[in-house]
Amino acid sequence: MNRILFLLIVLVPFVSNGQKTFTRQDTLRGSITPERAWWDVQKYEITVQPDYSAKTIQGENVLHFKTTAAGQVMQVDLQEPMELAGAQWQGQALKLERQGNVYYVTFPQPLQAGTASSITLVYTGKPREAIRPPWDGGWIWSKDKKGRPWMSVACQGLGASVWYPCKDHQSDEPDQGASLTMIVPDSLVAVANGRMINTSSANGLTTSTWAVTNPINNYNIIPYIGHYAHWHEDYAGEKGKLDCDYWVMDYELERAKQQFLQVPKMLKCFEHWFGPYPFYEDGYKLVQSPHLGMEHQSAVAYGNDFKNGYRGRDLSQSGWGLKWDFIIVHESGHEWFGNNITSDDIADMWIHESFTNYSETIFTTCEYGVEAGNDYVVGTRKLISNDEPIVGIYGVNEGGSGDMYYKGGNMIHTIRQLVGDDEKFRQVLRGLNTTFWHQTVTSQELEAYISKTTGIDCSKVFDQYLRTTKVPTLEYKREKGKLSYRWTNCVPGFNMKVKVSPTGTWIEPTKQWKKLKGATTLQIDRNFYVEAKDVTAVGK
């Protein structure tokens, strides 16, 4: 599709699901436009210098790319009010045209397919400020408990282009990794993803460069700037020695050392269930942040005040959620689901959040047994709202319902029951992380993999839980001493089997009535996220 035709198509806002209106800017942000399609990001080399008092930043991004087709006009994303001050290629200044949150960068002549090149993007401005991070994204200008500057960024969903110029679409990660150089007053310590490459000080400023060698989501490349203290430990993992580093405010060192004793337990559990930690080359870090937390690859943001639970609360109300630190477990779980396996489009963010939500159940199971894990996941059902489908709207940077957490986790728990063999289920989870190692995927690809490896056609299960707000309901009735049952409130063709107690019998309901011999009532095994309804009284 040529650019003029594309612009005509997306010029007019459109309405989806009868409620949400999307604009051309949403489409430019959320889709693979012609100006995005012809090039593939290889590496980012980002430099940033923040001015804490003015709440401004300036810097550059050397964007390395290769061409997959011929092209001349490149879409670079940088959200207002940030400005792209210039773009250079082979010593030439390139033409810039701004349209909202997008810049069109024009090369002097078309670049042919198979070309490896780079451009330097210079940026400046006052980035959107995060008022209530991480839910409200942007640059964070905070203070620690001693009133000293503390800076970071939280931009999942909102996008990394809120503070640096990039190709801001989840489907294109920099294949060769990224570096982040931070220039800050020499009274501060700057930490970022991966490993420190070098640091130097001059004229009252410290310049620190950190780098990852693995592909990384744009929104995961994050600076942490404050009065940090540090300690290190080695973890003997599945792939050998894993460097574990911890960065916290200097006055929190002792509290942190005690709380972070949970990390080796978490790593042991998750490596067992999900496979090797995906980023041995870049190490594992917990970095205290001026917000609750986020899954920043190899530099997990931690802000849970060194308490168990979610800010000291048990989200499941089962009691088990207070036995461990929610942010350590949940955000680290994203290293496998979200960072190792990444959704192409944020409409499929359930791939990140449902599996990571279920990692909480897995950890509870590792530490306290299967029934404790069952208690935990069943306890989270009260947090399900069934307001919108879990899968969002494609091509407009629109995620689905927050039910991707608790409903998604319960869907996975239900599939675990269908598999009926925890070792087989564990191999499915490990297989996901092997098959899609350091890749971006679609929901369809992941769903097909699970159906294939489990040997169970889960397509209708995924349609039911991901694409509707309906909870499948098992209706049953008694007539002349016999019990009949069927599925209702479900998608066409839904035929998921289910275990009923107390006998532990498996039944295979459909939308047609079936009879169950030797029973007068039904009680569904609690591990299935379904409902039961006795309709005898209403004569159905």
Protein backbone atom coordinates (compact mmCIF):
# COMPACT_ATOMS: atom_id res chain seq x y z
CA MET A 1 0.00 0.00 0.00
CA ASN A 2 1.43 3.39 -0.90
CA ARG A 3 1.69 6.14 1.67
CA ILE A 4 -1.04 8.41 0.21
CA LEU A 5 -3.61 5.61 0.15
CA PHE A 6 -2.64 4.58 3.68
CA LEU A 7 -3.10 8.13 4.98
CA LEU A 8 -6.53 8.36 3.36
CA ILE A 9 -7.59 5.12 5.01
CA VAL A 10 -6.49 6.13 8.50
CA LEU A 11 -7.39 9.82 8.29
CA VAL A 12 -10.91 9.38 9.61
CA PRO A 13 -11.38 8.12 13.17
CA PHE A 14 -13.23 4.83 13.38
CA VAL A 15 -15.35 3.15 16.03
CA SER A 16 -14.78 -0.43 17.13
CA ASN A 17 -17.00 -2.55 19.38
CA GLY A 18 -19.53 0.29 19.30
CA GLN A 19 -17.67 2.18 22.02
CA LYS A 20 -14.08 3.13 21.39
CA THR A 21 -13.03 5.68 18.82
CA PHE A 22 -9.59 5.45 17.28
CA THR A 23 -7.74 8.09 15.34
CA ARG A 24 -5.11 8.17 12.67
CA GLN A 25 -2.50 8.67 15.40
CA ASP A 26 -3.63 5.42 17.06
CA THR A 27 -3.19 3.58 13.77
CA LEU A 28 0.22 5.13 13.14
CA ARG A 29 1.28 4.00 16.60
CA GLY A 30 -0.26 0.54 16.56
CA SER A 31 0.18 -0.79 13.03
CA ILE A 32 2.96 -1.67 10.63
CA THR A 33 2.66 1.30 8.30
CA PRO A 34 4.41 1.41 4.91
CA GLU A 35 7.07 3.65 6.50
CA ARG A 36 7.74 1.00 9.14
CA ALA A 37 7.47 -2.13 7.01
CA TRP A 38 10.67 -1.85 4.95
CA TRP A 39 13.24 -1.75 7.75
CA ASP A 40 14.14 -3.84 10.76
CA VAL A 41 15.76 -2.48 13.93
CA GLN A 42 19.09 -4.08 14.78
CA LYS A 43 20.33 -2.00 17.72
CA TYR A 44 19.68 1.18 19.68
CA GLU A 45 22.50 3.26 21.16
CA ILE A 46 20.68 5.77 23.34
CA THR A 47 22.18 8.70 25.24
CA VAL A 48 20.16 10.82 27.65
CA GLN A 49 20.99 13.77 29.90
CA PRO A 50 18.17 14.79 32.24
CA ASP A 51 17.78 18.21 33.86
CA TYR A 52 16.03 17.45 37.12
CA SER A 53 15.11 21.03 38.03
CA ALA A 54 13.74 21.88 34.58
CA LYS A 55 12.20 18.40 34.03
CA THR A 56 13.72 18.25 30.57
CA ILE A 57 15.93 15.76 28.77
CA GLN A 58 18.19 15.80 25.75
CA GLY A 59 20.16 13.17 23.93
CA GLU A 60 20.49 11.06 20.84
CA ASN A 61 19.69 7.60 19.57
CA VAL A 62 21.93 5.94 17.02
CA LEU A 63 19.45 3.62 15.35
CA HIS A 64 21.02 0.69 13.51
CA PHE A 65 18.77 -1.04 10.99
CA LYS A 66 18.70 -3.27 7.97
CA THR A 67 16.32 -3.00 5.05
CA THR A 68 13.99 -5.88 4.19
CA ALA A 69 12.68 -4.06 1.12
CA ALA A 70 13.53 -0.90 -0.76
CA GLY A 71 12.45 2.29 0.99
CA GLN A 72 13.11 5.99 1.31
CA VAL A 73 10.73 7.37 3.94
CA MET A 74 11.12 6.09 7.53
CA GLN A 75 8.57 6.51 10.33
CA VAL A 76 10.24 7.45 13.61
CA ASP A 77 8.05 7.73 16.70
CA LEU A 78 8.54 10.48 19.29
CA GLN A 79 5.59 11.64 21.34
CA GLU A 80 4.70 15.26 21.83
CA PRO A 81 5.89 17.49 23.38
CA MET A 82 9.31 15.89 22.76
CA GLU A 83 11.04 17.10 19.61
CA LEU A 84 13.35 15.52 17.10
CA ALA A 85 16.03 18.18 16.66
CA GLY A 86 17.74 16.45 13.76
CA ALA A 87 18.50 13.24 11.90
CA GLN A 88 21.81 12.47 10.24
CA TRP A 89 22.77 9.69 7.85
CA GLN A 90 26.28 9.31 6.44
CA GLY A 91 27.07 12.90 7.42
CA GLN A 92 23.94 14.31 5.77
CA ALA A 93 21.07 16.04 7.50
CA LEU A 94 17.81 14.30 6.58
CA LYS A 95 14.49 15.95 5.85
CA LEU A 96 12.00 15.75 8.74
CA GLU A 97 8.23 16.08 8.60
CA ARG A 98 6.21 15.92 11.82
CA GLN A 99 2.66 14.63 12.05
CA GLY A 100 1.62 14.42 15.70
CA ASN A 101 3.65 11.76 17.48
CA VAL A 102 5.34 10.65 14.26
CA TYR A 103 8.24 12.03 12.26
CA TYR A 104 8.76 11.05 8.64
CA VAL A 105 12.48 10.93 7.91
CA THR A 106 13.33 11.06 4.20
CA PHE A 107 16.61 9.72 2.79
CA PRO A 108 18.18 11.46 -0.22
CA GLN A 109 17.61 8.33 -2.31
CA PRO A 110 15.89 4.97 -1.82
CA LEU A 111 17.82 2.39 0.21
CA GLN A 112 17.82 -0.99 -1.48
CA ALA A 113 16.77 -4.24 0.19
CA GLY A 114 19.53 -5.90 2.19
CA THR A 115 21.21 -2.64 3.20
CA ALA A 116 22.69 -2.33 6.70
CA SER A 117 22.86 1.26 7.90
CA SER A 118 22.29 3.62 10.81
CA ILE A 119 20.93 7.09 11.50
CA THR A 120 21.58 9.41 14.42
CA LEU A 121 18.44 10.93 15.92
CA VAL A 122 18.92 13.96 18.18
CA TYR A 123 16.06 14.67 20.56
CA THR A 124 15.17 17.23 23.22
CA GLY A 125 12.24 18.47 25.25
CA LYS A 126 10.07 18.07 28.31
CA PRO A 127 8.71 14.53 28.26
CA ARG A 128 5.29 13.67 29.56
CA GLU A 129 5.56 13.33 33.33
CA ALA A 130 4.23 10.23 35.05
CA ILE A 131 1.90 11.40 37.80
CA ARG A 132 0.87 7.99 39.12
CA PRO A 133 3.41 5.51 37.78
CA PRO A 134 3.42 2.79 36.66
CA TRP A 135 -0.27 3.11 35.72
CA ASP A 136 0.20 6.62 34.36
CA GLY A 137 3.30 6.46 32.21
CA GLY A 138 6.10 8.87 31.44
CA TRP A 139 9.31 10.22 32.93
CA ILE A 140 9.41 10.09 36.74
CA TRP A 141 10.86 13.10 38.56
CA SER A 142 10.73 11.95 42.17
CA LYS A 143 12.54 12.32 45.48
CA ASP A 144 13.78 9.65 47.85
CA LYS A 145 12.99 9.66 51.57
CA LYS A 146 15.88 12.06 52.16
CA GLY A 147 14.53 14.53 49.64
CA ARG A 148 17.18 13.80 47.01
CA PRO A 149 16.54 13.47 43.25
CA TRP A 150 15.31 10.09 42.07
CA MET A 151 14.50 9.57 38.39
CA SER A 152 13.24 6.78 36.19
CA VAL A 153 10.69 5.97 33.48
CA ALA A 154 7.60 3.77 33.28
CA CYS A 155 6.07 3.55 29.81
CA GLN A 156 4.50 0.17 29.11
CA GLY A 157 1.53 0.66 26.80
CA LEU A 158 2.22 4.37 26.47
CA GLY A 159 5.43 3.48 24.65
CA ALA A 160 9.13 4.26 24.77
CA SER A 161 8.63 7.07 22.25
CA VAL A 162 7.37 9.11 25.20
CA TRP A 163 11.05 9.89 25.86
CA TYR A 164 13.32 8.71 23.02
CA PRO A 165 12.87 8.34 19.24
CA CYS A 166 12.43 4.77 18.05
CA LYS A 167 10.30 2.35 16.09
CA ASP A 168 7.68 2.06 18.79
CA HIS A 169 6.00 -1.23 17.95
CA GLN A 170 6.37 -4.44 19.96
CA SER A 171 6.88 -6.61 16.89
CA ASP A 172 10.30 -5.09 16.14
CA GLU A 173 12.82 -5.50 18.92
CA PRO A 174 16.48 -4.53 18.35
CA ASP A 175 17.91 -7.93 17.43
CA GLN A 176 21.43 -7.08 18.62
CA GLY A 177 20.37 -5.44 21.87
CA ALA A 178 20.70 -1.87 23.06
CA SER A 179 22.87 0.45 25.10
CA LEU A 180 21.85 3.34 27.33
CA THR A 181 24.30 6.08 28.28
CA MET A 182 23.19 8.39 31.09
CA ILE A 183 24.88 11.72 31.86
CA VAL A 184 24.01 12.81 35.41
CA PRO A 185 25.43 14.89 38.29
CA ASP A 186 28.31 12.99 39.89
CA SER A 187 26.42 12.82 43.20
CA LEU A 188 24.01 10.34 41.57
CA VAL A 189 24.32 6.74 40.41
CA ALA A 190 22.84 5.68 37.07
CA VAL A 191 21.73 2.07 36.49
CA ALA A 192 20.10 0.49 33.44
CA ASN A 193 19.49 -2.84 31.73
CA GLY A 194 22.21 -5.42 31.28
CA ARG A 195 25.77 -4.75 32.35
CA MET A 196 27.76 -1.60 32.95
CA ILE A 197 30.14 -1.12 30.02
CA ASN A 198 32.00 1.94 31.28
CA THR A 199 31.71 4.97 33.50
CA SER A 200 33.67 8.22 33.74
CA SER A 201 33.41 11.54 35.55
CA ALA A 202 34.35 15.06 34.53
CA ASN A 203 33.18 18.60 35.26
CA GLY A 204 30.76 17.48 37.96
CA LEU A 205 29.05 14.94 35.70
CA THR A 206 29.19 11.14 35.53
CA THR A 207 28.65 9.32 32.27
CA SER A 208 27.60 5.68 32.62
CA THR A 209 26.89 3.25 29.78
CA TRP A 210 24.94 0.04 30.25
CA ALA A 211 24.14 -2.49 27.54
CA VAL A 212 22.16 -5.63 26.80
CA THR A 213 23.20 -8.08 24.10
CA ASN A 214 19.80 -9.75 23.75
CA PRO A 215 16.71 -8.44 21.95
CA ILE A 216 14.66 -6.19 24.24
CA ASN A 217 11.24 -4.55 24.22
CA ASN A 218 11.39 -0.78 23.67
CA TYR A 219 9.47 -0.05 26.87
CA ASN A 220 11.92 -2.13 28.88
CA ILE A 221 14.94 0.10 28.17
CA ILE A 222 14.93 2.19 31.35
CA PRO A 223 17.22 4.55 33.29
CA TYR A 224 17.31 4.43 37.10
CA ILE A 225 19.04 7.47 38.57
CA GLY A 226 19.42 8.08 42.30
CA HIS A 227 21.51 7.48 45.39
CA TYR A 228 21.94 3.75 44.89
CA ALA A 229 23.88 1.18 46.89
CA HIS A 230 24.70 -2.21 45.40
CA TRP A 231 25.55 -5.80 46.22
CA HIS A 232 26.12 -8.89 44.12
CA GLU A 233 25.59 -12.63 44.41
CA ASP A 234 26.05 -15.62 42.12
CA TYR A 235 23.19 -17.99 41.44
CA ALA A 236 23.91 -21.55 40.27
CA GLY A 237 21.32 -21.87 37.54
CA GLU A 238 20.46 -24.29 34.76
CA LYS A 239 22.92 -22.61 32.38
CA GLY A 240 25.67 -22.08 34.95
CA LYS A 241 26.54 -19.00 36.97
CA LEU A 242 23.96 -16.25 36.78
CA ASP A 243 25.07 -12.80 37.96
CA CYS A 244 22.48 -11.36 40.32
CA ASP A 245 22.84 -7.70 41.27
CA TYR A 246 20.71 -5.55 43.54
CA TRP A 247 20.50 -1.77 43.52
CA VAL A 248 18.56 0.01 46.26
CA MET A 249 18.55 3.38 47.98
CA ASP A 250 21.59 3.66 50.23
CA TYR A 251 19.45 3.83 53.38
CA GLU A 252 17.49 0.65 52.45
CA LEU A 253 20.42 -1.73 52.15
CA GLU A 254 19.76 -3.94 55.18
CA ARG A 255 15.99 -4.23 54.61
CA ALA A 256 16.61 -5.10 50.98
CA LYS A 257 19.20 -7.77 51.74
CA GLN A 258 16.71 -9.55 53.97
CA GLN A 259 13.75 -9.29 51.58
CA PHE A 260 15.68 -10.23 48.48
CA LEU A 261 16.58 -13.61 49.98
CA GLN A 262 13.46 -14.69 48.11
CA VAL A 263 15.17 -14.23 44.73
CA PRO A 264 17.09 -17.56 44.62
CA LYS A 265 13.89 -19.42 45.55
CA MET A 266 12.04 -17.64 42.76
CA LEU A 267 14.78 -18.39 40.22
CA LYS A 268 14.90 -22.05 41.20
CA CYS A 269 11.15 -22.43 40.85
CA PHE A 270 10.84 -20.56 37.57
CA GLU A 271 13.81 -22.24 35.92
CA HIS A 272 12.27 -25.60 36.86
CA TRP A 273 8.87 -24.75 35.44
CA PHE A 274 9.66 -22.32 32.60
CA GLY A 275 13.20 -23.19 31.56
CA PRO A 276 16.53 -21.38 31.97
CA TYR A 277 16.47 -17.69 32.81
CA PRO A 278 16.40 -16.14 29.32
CA PHE A 279 19.12 -13.51 29.73
CA TYR A 280 22.22 -15.03 31.33
CA GLU A 281 24.42 -12.84 29.12
CA ASP A 282 22.85 -9.69 30.59
CA GLY A 283 22.45 -10.88 34.18
CA TYR A 284 19.51 -10.48 36.55
CA LYS A 285 18.93 -7.33 38.58
CA LEU A 286 16.38 -5.96 41.00
CA VAL A 287 16.49 -2.16 41.04
CA GLN A 288 14.53 -0.14 43.56
CA SER A 289 12.24 2.24 41.72
CA PRO A 290 10.17 5.31 42.62
CA HIS A 291 7.02 3.36 41.66
CA LEU A 292 5.54 -0.05 42.45
CA GLY A 293 7.32 -2.13 39.84
CA MET A 294 7.73 -3.15 36.21
CA GLU A 295 9.29 -6.00 34.23
CA HIS A 296 12.22 -4.09 32.77
CA GLN A 297 14.33 -6.81 31.17
CA SER A 298 17.40 -7.77 33.25
CA ALA A 299 16.74 -4.74 35.49
CA VAL A 300 13.39 -5.45 37.16
CA ALA A 301 11.87 -2.38 38.81
CA TYR A 302 11.07 -3.00 42.50
CA GLY A 303 9.00 -0.66 44.65
CA ASN A 304 7.06 -2.90 47.04
CA ASP A 305 8.59 -1.37 50.19
CA PHE A 306 10.31 -4.68 51.10
CA LYS A 307 7.03 -6.23 52.21
CA ASN A 308 5.37 -9.52 51.38
CA GLY A 309 2.16 -9.50 49.41
CA TYR A 310 1.08 -6.68 47.14
CA ARG A 311 2.00 -3.64 49.22
CA GLY A 312 1.35 -5.79 52.26
CA ARG A 313 -1.97 -7.19 50.97
CA ASP A 314 -2.93 -10.66 49.79
CA LEU A 315 -4.74 -10.19 46.50
CA SER A 316 -6.11 -13.72 46.69
CA GLN A 317 -7.34 -13.41 50.28
CA SER A 318 -6.27 -17.02 50.69
CA GLY A 319 -3.44 -16.27 53.10
CA TRP A 320 -0.80 -17.60 50.71
CA GLY A 321 -0.26 -14.26 49.02
CA LEU A 322 1.34 -12.89 52.17
CA LYS A 323 4.02 -15.57 52.21
CA TRP A 324 6.07 -13.96 49.41
CA ASP A 325 6.85 -10.62 47.81
CA PHE A 326 4.41 -10.01 44.95
CA ILE A 327 6.69 -7.69 42.96
CA ILE A 328 9.74 -9.97 43.14
CA VAL A 329 7.69 -12.92 41.91
CA HIS A 330 5.35 -11.29 39.40
CA GLU A 331 7.73 -8.86 37.70
CA SER A 332 10.48 -11.48 37.53
CA GLY A 333 8.01 -13.92 35.98
CA HIS A 334 7.82 -11.50 33.07
CA GLU A 335 11.42 -12.30 32.18
CA TRP A 336 10.00 -15.49 30.67
CA PHE A 337 6.56 -14.25 29.61
CA GLY A 338 6.73 -10.74 28.20
CA ASN A 339 10.47 -10.33 27.77
CA ASN A 340 11.54 -13.70 26.39
CA ILE A 341 8.21 -14.31 24.67
CA THR A 342 6.71 -11.02 23.51
CA SER A 343 3.39 -10.36 21.81
CA ASP A 344 3.54 -8.78 18.35
CA ASP A 345 0.62 -6.50 19.15
CA ILE A 346 -0.43 -5.25 22.59
CA ALA A 347 -3.91 -6.55 21.79
CA ASP A 348 -2.35 -9.91 22.70
CA MET A 349 -0.85 -8.75 25.98
CA TRP A 350 -2.52 -11.70 27.67
CA ILE A 351 0.58 -13.61 26.55
CA HIS A 352 2.54 -11.43 28.97
CA GLU A 353 0.08 -11.02 31.80
CA SER A 354 -1.90 -14.26 31.98
CA PHE A 355 1.15 -16.49 32.15
CA THR A 356 2.93 -14.13 34.52
CA ASN A 357 -0.14 -13.97 36.73
CA TYR A 358 -0.03 -17.76 36.76
CA SER A 359 3.63 -17.66 37.75
CA GLU A 360 2.35 -16.48 41.15
CA THR A 361 0.39 -19.74 41.46
CA ILE A 362 3.43 -21.71 40.28
CA PHE A 363 5.64 -20.08 42.91
CA THR A 364 3.09 -20.71 45.65
CA THR A 365 2.98 -24.35 44.54
CA CYS A 366 6.78 -24.61 44.58
CA GLU A 367 7.01 -23.28 48.11
CA TYR A 368 3.86 -24.59 49.78
CA GLY A 369 2.36 -27.39 47.68
CA VAL A 370 -0.29 -27.96 45.04
CA GLU A 371 -3.31 -27.23 47.22
CA ALA A 372 -1.79 -23.93 48.37
CA GLY A 373 -1.35 -22.97 44.74
CA ASN A 374 -4.93 -23.99 44.02
CA ASP A 375 -6.16 -21.90 46.96
CA TYR A 376 -4.27 -18.92 45.60
CA VAL A 377 -5.49 -19.00 42.01
CA VAL A 378 -9.10 -19.75 42.99
CA GLY A 379 -8.94 -16.88 45.48
CA THR A 380 -8.09 -14.40 42.75
CA ARG A 381 -11.37 -15.02 40.91
CA LYS A 382 -13.13 -12.37 42.94
CA LEU A 383 -10.95 -9.84 41.10
CA ILE A 384 -12.31 -10.83 37.68
CA SER A 385 -14.70 -8.26 36.24
CA ASN A 386 -15.68 -9.78 32.87
CA ASP A 387 -16.13 -6.26 31.52
CA GLU A 388 -14.45 -6.66 28.12
CA PRO A 389 -12.70 -9.45 26.22
CA ILE A 390 -9.10 -10.13 27.20
CA VAL A 391 -7.87 -9.82 23.62
CA GLY A 392 -7.86 -6.19 22.58
CA ILE A 393 -8.20 -4.44 19.23
CA TYR A 394 -5.42 -5.00 16.73
CA GLY A 395 -3.49 -2.31 14.94
CA VAL A 396 -4.32 0.66 17.17
CA ASN A 397 -2.14 0.08 20.25
CA GLU A 398 -5.13 -1.05 22.29
CA GLY A 399 -4.88 -3.73 24.93
CA GLY A 400 -7.79 -5.76 26.22
CA SER A 401 -9.42 -6.02 29.62
CA GLY A 402 -7.44 -6.11 32.84
CA ASP A 403 -8.96 -9.58 33.17
CA MET A 404 -5.86 -10.69 31.27
CA TYR A 405 -4.37 -11.07 34.77
CA TYR A 406 -6.75 -13.06 36.97
CA LYS A 407 -9.13 -14.48 34.37
CA GLY A 408 -6.18 -15.31 32.14
CA GLY A 409 -4.41 -17.02 35.03
CA ASN A 410 -7.50 -19.05 35.81
CA MET A 411 -7.83 -20.02 32.15
CA ILE A 412 -4.28 -21.40 32.24
CA HIS A 413 -5.08 -23.20 35.49
CA THR A 414 -8.12 -24.74 33.79
CA ILE A 415 -5.96 -25.93 30.88
CA ARG A 416 -3.58 -27.44 33.43
CA GLN A 417 -6.50 -29.53 34.74
CA LEU A 418 -7.39 -30.63 31.21
CA VAL A 419 -3.81 -31.80 30.69
CA GLY A 420 -4.10 -33.73 33.97
CA ASP A 421 -0.36 -34.36 34.23
CA ASP A 422 1.80 -31.70 35.88
CA GLU A 423 5.00 -32.99 34.35
CA LYS A 424 3.50 -32.76 30.89
CA PHE A 425 2.13 -29.32 31.67
CA ARG A 426 5.56 -28.22 32.91
CA GLN A 427 7.12 -29.38 29.65
CA VAL A 428 4.54 -27.32 27.74
CA LEU A 429 5.58 -24.18 29.64
CA ARG A 430 9.26 -24.93 29.12
CA GLY A 431 8.57 -25.72 25.48
CA LEU A 432 6.94 -22.35 24.98
CA ASN A 433 10.08 -20.61 26.19
CA THR A 434 12.27 -22.81 24.00
CA THR A 435 10.19 -22.64 20.83
CA PHE A 436 9.61 -18.89 21.04
CA TRP A 437 12.99 -18.04 22.60
CA HIS A 438 13.67 -14.29 22.23
CA GLN A 439 10.80 -13.96 19.75
CA THR A 440 7.66 -11.93 19.22
CA VAL A 441 4.52 -13.98 18.58
CA THR A 442 0.83 -13.74 17.85
CA SER A 443 -1.88 -15.19 20.04
CA GLN A 444 -2.75 -17.63 17.26
CA GLU A 445 0.81 -18.98 17.15
CA LEU A 446 0.90 -19.53 20.88
CA GLU A 447 -2.60 -21.04 21.04
CA ALA A 448 -1.75 -23.48 18.25
CA TYR A 449 1.43 -24.53 20.05
CA ILE A 450 -0.46 -25.32 23.25
CA SER A 451 -3.10 -27.36 21.41
CA LYS A 452 -0.42 -29.30 19.56
CA THR A 453 1.83 -30.07 22.53
CA THR A 454 -0.98 -30.91 24.96
CA GLY A 455 -2.76 -33.05 22.39
CA ILE A 456 -5.96 -31.22 23.31
CA ASP A 457 -7.83 -28.93 20.93
CA CYS A 458 -7.95 -25.84 23.13
CA SER A 459 -9.19 -23.51 20.39
CA LYS A 460 -12.70 -23.17 21.83
CA VAL A 461 -11.27 -22.75 25.33
CA PHE A 462 -9.18 -19.81 24.13
CA ASP A 463 -12.12 -18.34 22.21
CA GLN A 464 -14.31 -18.61 25.29
CA TYR A 465 -11.98 -17.06 27.83
CA LEU A 466 -9.99 -14.65 25.67
CA ARG A 467 -12.58 -13.34 23.23
CA THR A 468 -15.83 -13.22 25.22
CA THR A 469 -16.87 -12.02 28.65
CA LYS A 470 -18.99 -15.12 29.23
CA VAL A 471 -18.17 -17.62 31.95
CA PRO A 472 -19.20 -21.07 30.69
CA THR A 473 -22.08 -22.36 32.77
CA LEU A 474 -22.87 -26.02 33.36
CA GLU A 475 -26.62 -26.28 33.73
CA TYR A 476 -28.06 -29.42 35.28
CA LYS A 477 -31.52 -30.69 36.17
CA ARG A 478 -33.18 -33.71 37.75
CA GLU A 479 -36.06 -35.45 36.06
CA LYS A 480 -37.55 -38.71 37.33
CA GLY A 481 -34.51 -39.41 39.43
CA LYS A 482 -32.08 -38.86 36.58
CA LEU A 483 -29.63 -36.00 36.16
CA SER A 484 -28.98 -34.19 32.88
CA TYR A 485 -26.40 -31.53 32.10
CA ARG A 486 -25.25 -29.20 29.30
CA TRP A 487 -23.05 -26.16 28.60
CA THR A 488 -24.65 -22.75 28.25
CA ASN A 489 -23.33 -19.19 28.05
CA CYS A 490 -20.56 -20.38 25.77
CA VAL A 491 -19.20 -20.00 22.26
CA PRO A 492 -20.48 -22.26 19.47
CA GLY A 493 -18.78 -25.64 19.56
CA PHE A 494 -17.61 -25.31 23.18
CA ASN A 495 -17.19 -28.87 24.44
CA MET A 496 -14.59 -28.63 27.21
CA LYS A 497 -14.61 -31.62 29.50
CA VAL A 498 -14.76 -30.99 33.23
CA LYS A 499 -14.23 -32.92 36.43
CA VAL A 500 -17.09 -33.15 38.92
CA SER A 501 -16.76 -33.97 42.58
CA PRO A 502 -16.86 -35.61 44.98
CA THR A 503 -16.43 -38.65 42.72
CA GLY A 504 -13.76 -37.08 40.49
CA THR A 505 -15.67 -38.19 37.40
CA TRP A 506 -14.91 -36.52 34.08
CA ILE A 507 -17.89 -35.50 32.00
CA GLU A 508 -17.92 -34.07 28.48
CA PRO A 509 -20.80 -31.62 28.21
CA THR A 510 -21.94 -30.03 24.97
CA LYS A 511 -24.76 -27.57 24.34
CA GLN A 512 -27.13 -30.56 24.15
CA TRP A 513 -28.53 -32.24 27.22
CA LYS A 514 -26.70 -35.38 28.35
CA LYS A 515 -27.60 -37.79 31.14
CA LEU A 516 -25.33 -38.75 34.03
CA LYS A 517 -26.04 -42.11 35.60
CA GLY A 518 -25.94 -42.61 39.32
CA ALA A 519 -25.92 -38.93 40.29
CA THR A 520 -28.53 -36.50 41.60
CA THR A 521 -26.39 -33.36 41.80
CA LEU A 522 -23.24 -31.89 40.31
CA GLN A 523 -20.39 -30.10 41.97
CA ILE A 524 -17.64 -28.94 39.65
CA ASP A 525 -14.03 -29.35 40.72
CA ARG A 526 -13.00 -25.90 41.98
CA ASN A 527 -9.94 -25.79 39.74
CA PHE A 528 -12.07 -25.19 36.65
CA TYR A 529 -13.09 -21.59 36.06
CA VAL A 530 -16.72 -22.35 35.19
CA GLU A 531 -20.08 -21.91 36.87
CA ALA A 532 -22.78 -24.43 37.72
CA LYS A 533 -26.50 -23.81 37.80
CA ASP A 534 -29.29 -26.07 38.95
CA VAL A 535 -32.23 -25.36 36.65
CA THR A 536 -34.54 -28.07 37.96
CA ALA A 537 -36.66 -25.58 39.88
CA VAL A 538 -37.43 -23.50 36.79
CA GLY A 539 -38.38 -26.52 34.74
CA LYS A 540 -35.77 -26.26 32.01
